[in-house]
């Protein structure tokens, strides 16, 4: 299977331990370095930048952490969905999560959050600049050996989409899909959607 947006490799590790063969991909070289430590026995760990890099043909494509919502526009997300559909082999399955427009509404007005450890602190602020955008601004503070503190700032921008359109996009490329609020019995936070799909086996009508 192909994993999109593997991050540090935590899901990759679970998939490998369950006996799956996994090609883990991410757009971030730094995340790939972490994944190589966590999931060194994967079939491969490589850079893949959606929506333009080709996705290898796969029996399954999975992704958590709403990786597609980090793309720059709704059009780019749609192109990535089409690329995913085209990479699924006959009989292959799809399981990804996506942030719906409801995610922004649920997060609107959310209070800033902070976490403090002995040698570190993290402060996160949230904003919804438009109905289809969600922003997390994070400041990390790390204590240096001399007692001073170093600050690093990081910004995460997410494009939110109407996930009700996703099944039709995938159907136009031969993949049957549904959008729900859970992976099995695992309920997702408000506004986060599970997209589950399958390309019918060769010789099977897409309507069956």
C-alpha atoms as a PDB file:
ATOM      1  CA  UNK A   1       0.000   0.000   0.000  1.00  0.00           C
ATOM      2  CA  UNK A   2       0.948   3.651  -0.403  1.00  0.00           C
ATOM      3  CA  UNK A   3       0.714   6.033   2.550  1.00  0.00           C
ATOM      4  CA  UNK A   4       0.400   9.726   1.755  1.00  0.00           C
ATOM      5  CA  UNK A   5       1.644  12.283   4.274  1.00  0.00           C
ATOM      6  CA  UNK A   6       3.316   9.707   6.513  1.00  0.00           C
ATOM      7  CA  UNK A   7       4.766  12.393   8.811  1.00  0.00           C
ATOM      8  CA  UNK A   8       6.956  10.860  11.495  1.00  0.00           C
ATOM      9  CA  UNK A   9       5.870   7.332  10.560  1.00  0.00           C
ATOM     10  CA  UNK A  10       3.520   6.457  13.429  1.00  0.00           C
ATOM     11  CA  UNK A  11       0.758   5.068  11.193  1.00  0.00           C
ATOM     12  CA  UNK A  12       3.410   3.459   9.016  1.00  0.00           C
ATOM     13  CA  UNK A  13       4.687   1.565  12.051  1.00  0.00           C
ATOM     14  CA  UNK A  14       1.200   0.295  12.899  1.00  0.00           C
ATOM     15  CA  UNK A  15       0.622  -0.834   9.317  1.00  0.00           C
ATOM     16  CA  UNK A  16       3.953  -2.657   9.190  1.00  0.00           C
ATOM     17  CA  UNK A  17       3.300  -4.358  12.519  1.00  0.00           C
ATOM     18  CA  UNK A  18      -0.045  -5.529  11.116  1.00  0.00           C
ATOM     19  CA  UNK A  19       1.788  -7.282   8.279  1.00  0.00           C
ATOM     20  CA  UNK A  20       1.274  -4.793   5.451  1.00  0.00           C
ATOM     21  CA  UNK A  21       3.879  -3.796   2.897  1.00  0.00           C
ATOM     22  CA  UNK A  22       4.017   0.001   2.930  1.00  0.00           C
ATOM     23  CA  UNK A  23       5.541   2.662   0.714  1.00  0.00           C
ATOM     24  CA  UNK A  24       5.499   5.728   2.976  1.00  0.00           C
ATOM     25  CA  UNK A  25       5.585   9.176   1.370  1.00  0.00           C
ATOM     26  CA  UNK A  26       5.614  12.777   2.534  1.00  0.00           C
ATOM     27  CA  UNK A  27       6.358  16.205   1.095  1.00  0.00           C
ATOM     28  CA  UNK A  28       8.670  17.109   4.007  1.00  0.00           C
ATOM     29  CA  UNK A  29      12.275  15.844   3.993  1.00  0.00           C
ATOM     30  CA  UNK A  30      12.443  16.459   7.755  1.00  0.00           C
ATOM     31  CA  UNK A  31       9.402  14.236   8.364  1.00  0.00           C
ATOM     32  CA  UNK A  32      10.848  11.549   6.110  1.00  0.00           C
ATOM     33  CA  UNK A  33      14.011  11.483   8.224  1.00  0.00           C
ATOM     34  CA  UNK A  34      11.893  10.832  11.319  1.00  0.00           C
ATOM     35  CA  UNK A  35       9.898   8.167   9.495  1.00  0.00           C
ATOM     36  CA  UNK A  36      13.087   6.345   8.503  1.00  0.00           C
ATOM     37  CA  UNK A  37      13.892   5.894  12.192  1.00  0.00           C
ATOM     38  CA  UNK A  38      10.387   4.750  13.152  1.00  0.00           C
ATOM     39  CA  UNK A  39       9.618   2.612  10.081  1.00  0.00           C
ATOM     40  CA  UNK A  40      13.015   1.562   8.765  1.00  0.00           C
ATOM     41  CA  UNK A  41      11.584  -1.730   7.477  1.00  0.00           C
ATOM     42  CA  UNK A  42       9.048  -0.121   5.125  1.00  0.00           C
ATOM     43  CA  UNK A  43       9.159  -1.043   1.440  1.00  0.00           C
ATOM     44  CA  UNK A  44      10.278   2.500   0.824  1.00  0.00           C
ATOM     45  CA  UNK A  45      10.208   5.983   2.341  1.00  0.00           C
ATOM     46  CA  UNK A  46      10.291   8.696  -0.259  1.00  0.00           C
ATOM     47  CA  UNK A  47       9.385  12.280  -1.034  1.00  0.00           C
ATOM     48  CA  UNK A  48       6.127  12.738  -2.908  1.00  0.00           C
ATOM     49  CA  UNK A  49       4.630  16.187  -3.434  1.00  0.00           C
ATOM     50  CA  UNK A  50       0.980  16.310  -4.411  1.00  0.00           C
ATOM     51  CA  UNK A  51      -0.762  17.014  -6.659  1.00  0.00           C
ATOM     52  CA  UNK A  52       1.918  16.785  -9.366  1.00  0.00           C
ATOM     53  CA  UNK A  53       4.217  13.920  -8.360  1.00  0.00           C
ATOM     54  CA  UNK A  54       2.952  10.570  -9.694  1.00  0.00           C
ATOM     55  CA  UNK A  55       1.550   8.148  -7.129  1.00  0.00           C
ATOM     56  CA  UNK A  56       2.677   4.535  -7.676  1.00  0.00           C
ATOM     57  CA  UNK A  57      -0.068   2.066  -8.561  1.00  0.00           C
ATOM     58  CA  UNK A  58      -1.305   0.519  -5.330  1.00  0.00           C
ATOM     59  CA  UNK A  59      -3.628  -2.071  -3.816  1.00  0.00           C
ATOM     60  CA  UNK A  60      -4.468   0.465  -1.097  1.00  0.00           C
ATOM     61  CA  UNK A  61      -3.876   4.166  -0.482  1.00  0.00           C
ATOM     62  CA  UNK A  62      -4.147   5.531   3.048  1.00  0.00           C
ATOM     63  CA  UNK A  63      -3.594   8.845   4.766  1.00  0.00           C
ATOM     64  CA  UNK A  64      -4.370  10.406   8.144  1.00  0.00           C
ATOM     65  CA  UNK A  65      -3.650  13.876   9.449  1.00  0.00           C
ATOM     66  CA  UNK A  66      -5.696  15.530   6.634  1.00  0.00           C
ATOM     67  CA  UNK A  67      -2.582  15.751   4.463  1.00  0.00           C
ATOM     68  CA  UNK A  68      -4.481  16.927   1.387  1.00  0.00           C
ATOM     69  CA  UNK A  69      -5.799  19.964   3.254  1.00  0.00           C
ATOM     70  CA  UNK A  70      -2.243  21.315   3.358  1.00  0.00           C
ATOM     71  CA  UNK A  71      -2.337  21.816  -0.411  1.00  0.00           C
ATOM     72  CA  UNK A  72      -2.662  25.447  -1.551  1.00  0.00           C
ATOM     73  CA  UNK A  73      -6.172  25.418  -3.033  1.00  0.00           C
ATOM     74  CA  UNK A  74      -9.376  23.433  -3.489  1.00  0.00           C
ATOM     75  CA  UNK A  75      -8.363  22.886  -7.115  1.00  0.00           C
ATOM     76  CA  UNK A  76      -5.088  21.316  -5.985  1.00  0.00           C
ATOM     77  CA  UNK A  77      -6.977  19.048  -3.584  1.00  0.00           C
ATOM     78  CA  UNK A  78      -9.274  17.930  -6.413  1.00  0.00           C
ATOM     79  CA  UNK A  79      -6.267  17.179  -8.629  1.00  0.00           C
ATOM     80  CA  UNK A  80      -4.745  15.134  -5.804  1.00  0.00           C
ATOM     81  CA  UNK A  81      -7.980  13.170  -5.384  1.00  0.00           C
ATOM     82  CA  UNK A  82      -7.991  12.398  -9.107  1.00  0.00           C
ATOM     83  CA  UNK A  83      -4.344  11.289  -8.911  1.00  0.00           C
ATOM     84  CA  UNK A  84      -5.219   9.005  -5.994  1.00  0.00           C
ATOM     85  CA  UNK A  85      -8.150   7.501  -7.890  1.00  0.00           C
ATOM     86  CA  UNK A  86      -6.020   6.865 -10.952  1.00  0.00           C
ATOM     87  CA  UNK A  87      -3.342   5.128  -8.846  1.00  0.00           C
ATOM     88  CA  UNK A  88      -5.753   2.575  -7.368  1.00  0.00           C
ATOM     89  CA  UNK A  89      -5.517  -0.828  -9.012  1.00  0.00           C
ATOM     90  CA  UNK A  90      -8.691  -2.836  -9.743  1.00  0.00           C
ATOM     91  CA  UNK A  91     -10.067  -4.009  -6.402  1.00  0.00           C
ATOM     92  CA  UNK A  92      -7.903  -1.529  -4.474  1.00  0.00           C
ATOM     93  CA  UNK A  93      -9.183   0.434  -1.482  1.00  0.00           C
ATOM     94  CA  UNK A  94      -8.853   4.000  -0.246  1.00  0.00           C
ATOM     95  CA  UNK A  95      -8.969   5.390   3.300  1.00  0.00           C
ATOM     96  CA  UNK A  96      -8.084   9.041   3.957  1.00  0.00           C
ATOM     97  CA  UNK A  97      -9.299  11.898   6.112  1.00  0.00           C
ATOM     98  CA  UNK A  98     -10.191  15.416   4.983  1.00  0.00           C
ATOM     99  CA  UNK A  99     -11.223  18.619   6.731  1.00  0.00           C
ATOM    100  CA  UNK A 100     -14.686  19.753   5.723  1.00  0.00           C
ATOM    101  CA  UNK A 101     -15.928  23.352   5.784  1.00  0.00           C
ATOM    102  CA  UNK A 102     -17.547  22.378   9.085  1.00  0.00           C
ATOM    103  CA  UNK A 103     -14.064  22.123  10.592  1.00  0.00           C
ATOM    104  CA  UNK A 104     -13.637  25.881  10.339  1.00  0.00           C
ATOM    105  CA  UNK A 105     -17.020  26.562  11.902  1.00  0.00           C
ATOM    106  CA  UNK A 106     -16.249  24.196  14.772  1.00  0.00           C
ATOM    107  CA  UNK A 107     -12.876  25.872  15.402  1.00  0.00           C
ATOM    108  CA  UNK A 108     -14.030  29.466  15.042  1.00  0.00           C
ATOM    109  CA  UNK A 109     -13.344  31.341  18.261  1.00  0.00           C
ATOM    110  CA  UNK A 110     -11.236  28.523  19.707  1.00  0.00           C
ATOM    111  CA  UNK A 111      -9.029  29.691  22.562  1.00  0.00           C
ATOM    112  CA  UNK A 112      -5.263  29.611  22.362  1.00  0.00           C
ATOM    113  CA  UNK A 113      -3.677  26.558  23.935  1.00  0.00           C
ATOM    114  CA  UNK A 114      -0.410  26.056  25.731  1.00  0.00           C
ATOM    115  CA  UNK A 115       1.679  23.153  26.970  1.00  0.00           C
ATOM    116  CA  UNK A 116       4.698  23.412  29.269  1.00  0.00           C
ATOM    117  CA  UNK A 117       7.466  20.923  30.062  1.00  0.00           C
ATOM    118  CA  UNK A 118      10.637  21.228  32.100  1.00  0.00           C
ATOM    119  CA  UNK A 119      12.718  22.467  29.183  1.00  0.00           C
ATOM    120  CA  UNK A 120      10.112  23.462  26.626  1.00  0.00           C
ATOM    121  CA  UNK A 121       6.826  25.255  26.028  1.00  0.00           C
ATOM    122  CA  UNK A 122       4.375  25.336  23.131  1.00  0.00           C
ATOM    123  CA  UNK A 123       1.712  27.955  22.445  1.00  0.00           C
ATOM    124  CA  UNK A 124      -0.822  27.482  19.624  1.00  0.00           C
ATOM    125  CA  UNK A 125      -3.230  30.096  18.308  1.00  0.00           C
ATOM    126  CA  UNK A 126      -6.109  29.344  15.926  1.00  0.00           C
ATOM    127  CA  UNK A 127      -7.825  31.488  13.327  1.00  0.00           C
ATOM    128  CA  UNK A 128     -10.390  31.094  10.546  1.00  0.00           C
ATOM    129  CA  UNK A 129      -9.640  33.963   8.134  1.00  0.00           C
ATOM    130  CA  UNK A 130     -12.313  32.743   5.677  1.00  0.00           C
ATOM    131  CA  UNK A 131     -14.857  29.896   5.601  1.00  0.00           C
ATOM    132  CA  UNK A 132     -12.454  27.715   3.603  1.00  0.00           C
ATOM    133  CA  UNK A 133      -9.258  28.459   5.548  1.00  0.00           C
ATOM    134  CA  UNK A 134      -8.005  27.304   8.954  1.00  0.00           C
ATOM    135  CA  UNK A 135      -4.691  28.514  10.408  1.00  0.00           C
ATOM    136  CA  UNK A 136      -2.639  27.285  13.354  1.00  0.00           C
ATOM    137  CA  UNK A 137       0.187  29.550  14.483  1.00  0.00           C
ATOM    138  CA  UNK A 138       2.590  27.781  16.841  1.00  0.00           C
ATOM    139  CA  UNK A 139       5.446  29.148  18.923  1.00  0.00           C
ATOM    140  CA  UNK A 140       7.861  26.653  20.473  1.00  0.00           C
ATOM    141  CA  UNK A 141      10.295  27.612  23.235  1.00  0.00           C
ATOM    142  CA  UNK A 142      13.289  25.378  24.027  1.00  0.00           C
ATOM    143  CA  UNK A 143      15.700  25.959  26.915  1.00  0.00           C
ATOM    144  CA  UNK A 144      19.327  26.111  25.833  1.00  0.00           C
ATOM    145  CA  UNK A 145      22.182  24.621  27.884  1.00  0.00           C
ATOM    146  CA  UNK A 146      23.129  28.080  29.161  1.00  0.00           C
ATOM    147  CA  UNK A 147      19.651  28.709  30.537  1.00  0.00           C
ATOM    148  CA  UNK A 148      18.504  31.000  27.729  1.00  0.00           C
ATOM    149  CA  UNK A 149      15.504  30.149  25.555  1.00  0.00           C
ATOM    150  CA  UNK A 150      15.194  29.674  21.822  1.00  0.00           C
ATOM    151  CA  UNK A 151      11.931  30.437  20.030  1.00  0.00           C
ATOM    152  CA  UNK A 152      10.785  28.806  16.784  1.00  0.00           C
ATOM    153  CA  UNK A 153       7.599  29.810  14.957  1.00  0.00           C
ATOM    154  CA  UNK A 154       5.581  27.546  12.694  1.00  0.00           C
ATOM    155  CA  UNK A 155       2.397  28.205  10.719  1.00  0.00           C
ATOM    156  CA  UNK A 156       0.017  25.559   9.385  1.00  0.00           C
ATOM    157  CA  UNK A 157      -2.487  26.647   6.735  1.00  0.00           C
ATOM    158  CA  UNK A 158      -5.311  24.285   5.825  1.00  0.00           C
ATOM    159  CA  UNK A 159      -7.700  24.606   2.888  1.00  0.00           C
ATOM    160  CA  UNK A 160     -11.179  23.379   3.846  1.00  0.00           C
ATOM    161  CA  UNK A 161     -13.510  21.847   1.256  1.00  0.00           C
ATOM    162  CA  UNK A 162     -17.078  20.679   0.824  1.00  0.00           C
ATOM    163  CA  UNK A 163     -16.372  16.972   1.290  1.00  0.00           C
ATOM    164  CA  UNK A 164     -19.845  16.087   0.006  1.00  0.00           C
ATOM    165  CA  UNK A 165     -18.401  16.643  -3.491  1.00  0.00           C
ATOM    166  CA  UNK A 166     -15.622  14.079  -3.048  1.00  0.00           C
ATOM    167  CA  UNK A 167     -17.577  10.899  -3.976  1.00  0.00           C
ATOM    168  CA  UNK A 168     -18.591  12.416  -7.330  1.00  0.00           C
ATOM    169  CA  UNK A 169     -15.002  13.475  -8.073  1.00  0.00           C
ATOM    170  CA  UNK A 170     -13.757   9.947  -7.380  1.00  0.00           C
ATOM    171  CA  UNK A 171     -16.675   8.321  -9.234  1.00  0.00           C
ATOM    172  CA  UNK A 172     -15.714  10.217 -12.378  1.00  0.00           C
ATOM    173  CA  UNK A 173     -12.433   8.295 -12.217  1.00  0.00           C
ATOM    174  CA  UNK A 174     -13.845   4.861 -11.478  1.00  0.00           C
ATOM    175  CA  UNK A 175     -13.737   4.796  -7.674  1.00  0.00           C
ATOM    176  CA  UNK A 176     -16.804   4.211  -5.490  1.00  0.00           C
ATOM    177  CA  UNK A 177     -16.506   6.223  -2.285  1.00  0.00           C
ATOM    178  CA  UNK A 178     -18.436   7.426   0.725  1.00  0.00           C
ATOM    179  CA  UNK A 179     -17.812  10.179   3.244  1.00  0.00           C
ATOM    180  CA  UNK A 180     -18.461   9.602   6.943  1.00  0.00           C
ATOM    181  CA  UNK A 181     -17.605  10.828  10.407  1.00  0.00           C
ATOM    182  CA  UNK A 182     -15.635   7.797  11.555  1.00  0.00           C
ATOM    183  CA  UNK A 183     -13.180   5.071  10.620  1.00  0.00           C
ATOM    184  CA  UNK A 184     -15.159   2.086  11.843  1.00  0.00           C
ATOM    185  CA  UNK A 185     -15.987   2.710  15.493  1.00  0.00           C
ATOM    186  CA  UNK A 186     -13.410   5.515  15.770  1.00  0.00           C
ATOM    187  CA  UNK A 187     -15.364   8.786  15.688  1.00  0.00           C
ATOM    188  CA  UNK A 188     -13.471  11.743  14.251  1.00  0.00           C
ATOM    189  CA  UNK A 189     -13.523  15.308  15.614  1.00  0.00           C
ATOM    190  CA  UNK A 190     -16.292  17.581  14.352  1.00  0.00           C
ATOM    191  CA  UNK A 191     -15.596  18.636  10.784  1.00  0.00           C
ATOM    192  CA  UNK A 192     -13.040  15.924  10.053  1.00  0.00           C
ATOM    193  CA  UNK A 193     -14.328  13.393   7.538  1.00  0.00           C
ATOM    194  CA  UNK A 194     -13.337   9.839   6.648  1.00  0.00           C
ATOM    195  CA  UNK A 195     -13.284   9.074   2.930  1.00  0.00           C
ATOM    196  CA  UNK A 196     -13.516   5.353   2.203  1.00  0.00           C
ATOM    197  CA  UNK A 197     -13.435   4.069  -1.349  1.00  0.00           C
ATOM    198  CA  UNK A 198     -12.798   1.160  -3.660  1.00  0.00           C
ATOM    199  CA  UNK A 199     -12.076   0.668  -7.338  1.00  0.00           C
ATOM    200  CA  UNK A 200     -14.211  -2.268  -8.517  1.00  0.00           C
ATOM    201  CA  UNK A 201     -12.329  -5.363  -9.699  1.00  0.00           C
ATOM    202  CA  UNK A 202     -11.769  -5.729 -13.415  1.00  0.00           C
ATOM    203  CA  UNK A 203     -14.947  -6.797 -15.150  1.00  0.00           C
ATOM    204  CA  UNK A 204     -17.198  -5.478 -12.386  1.00  0.00           C
ATOM    205  CA  UNK A 205     -19.630  -2.674 -13.116  1.00  0.00           C
ATOM    206  CA  UNK A 206     -18.953   0.462 -11.041  1.00  0.00           C
ATOM    207  CA  UNK A 207     -22.647   0.459 -10.126  1.00  0.00           C
ATOM    208  CA  UNK A 208     -22.487  -2.915  -8.335  1.00  0.00           C
END
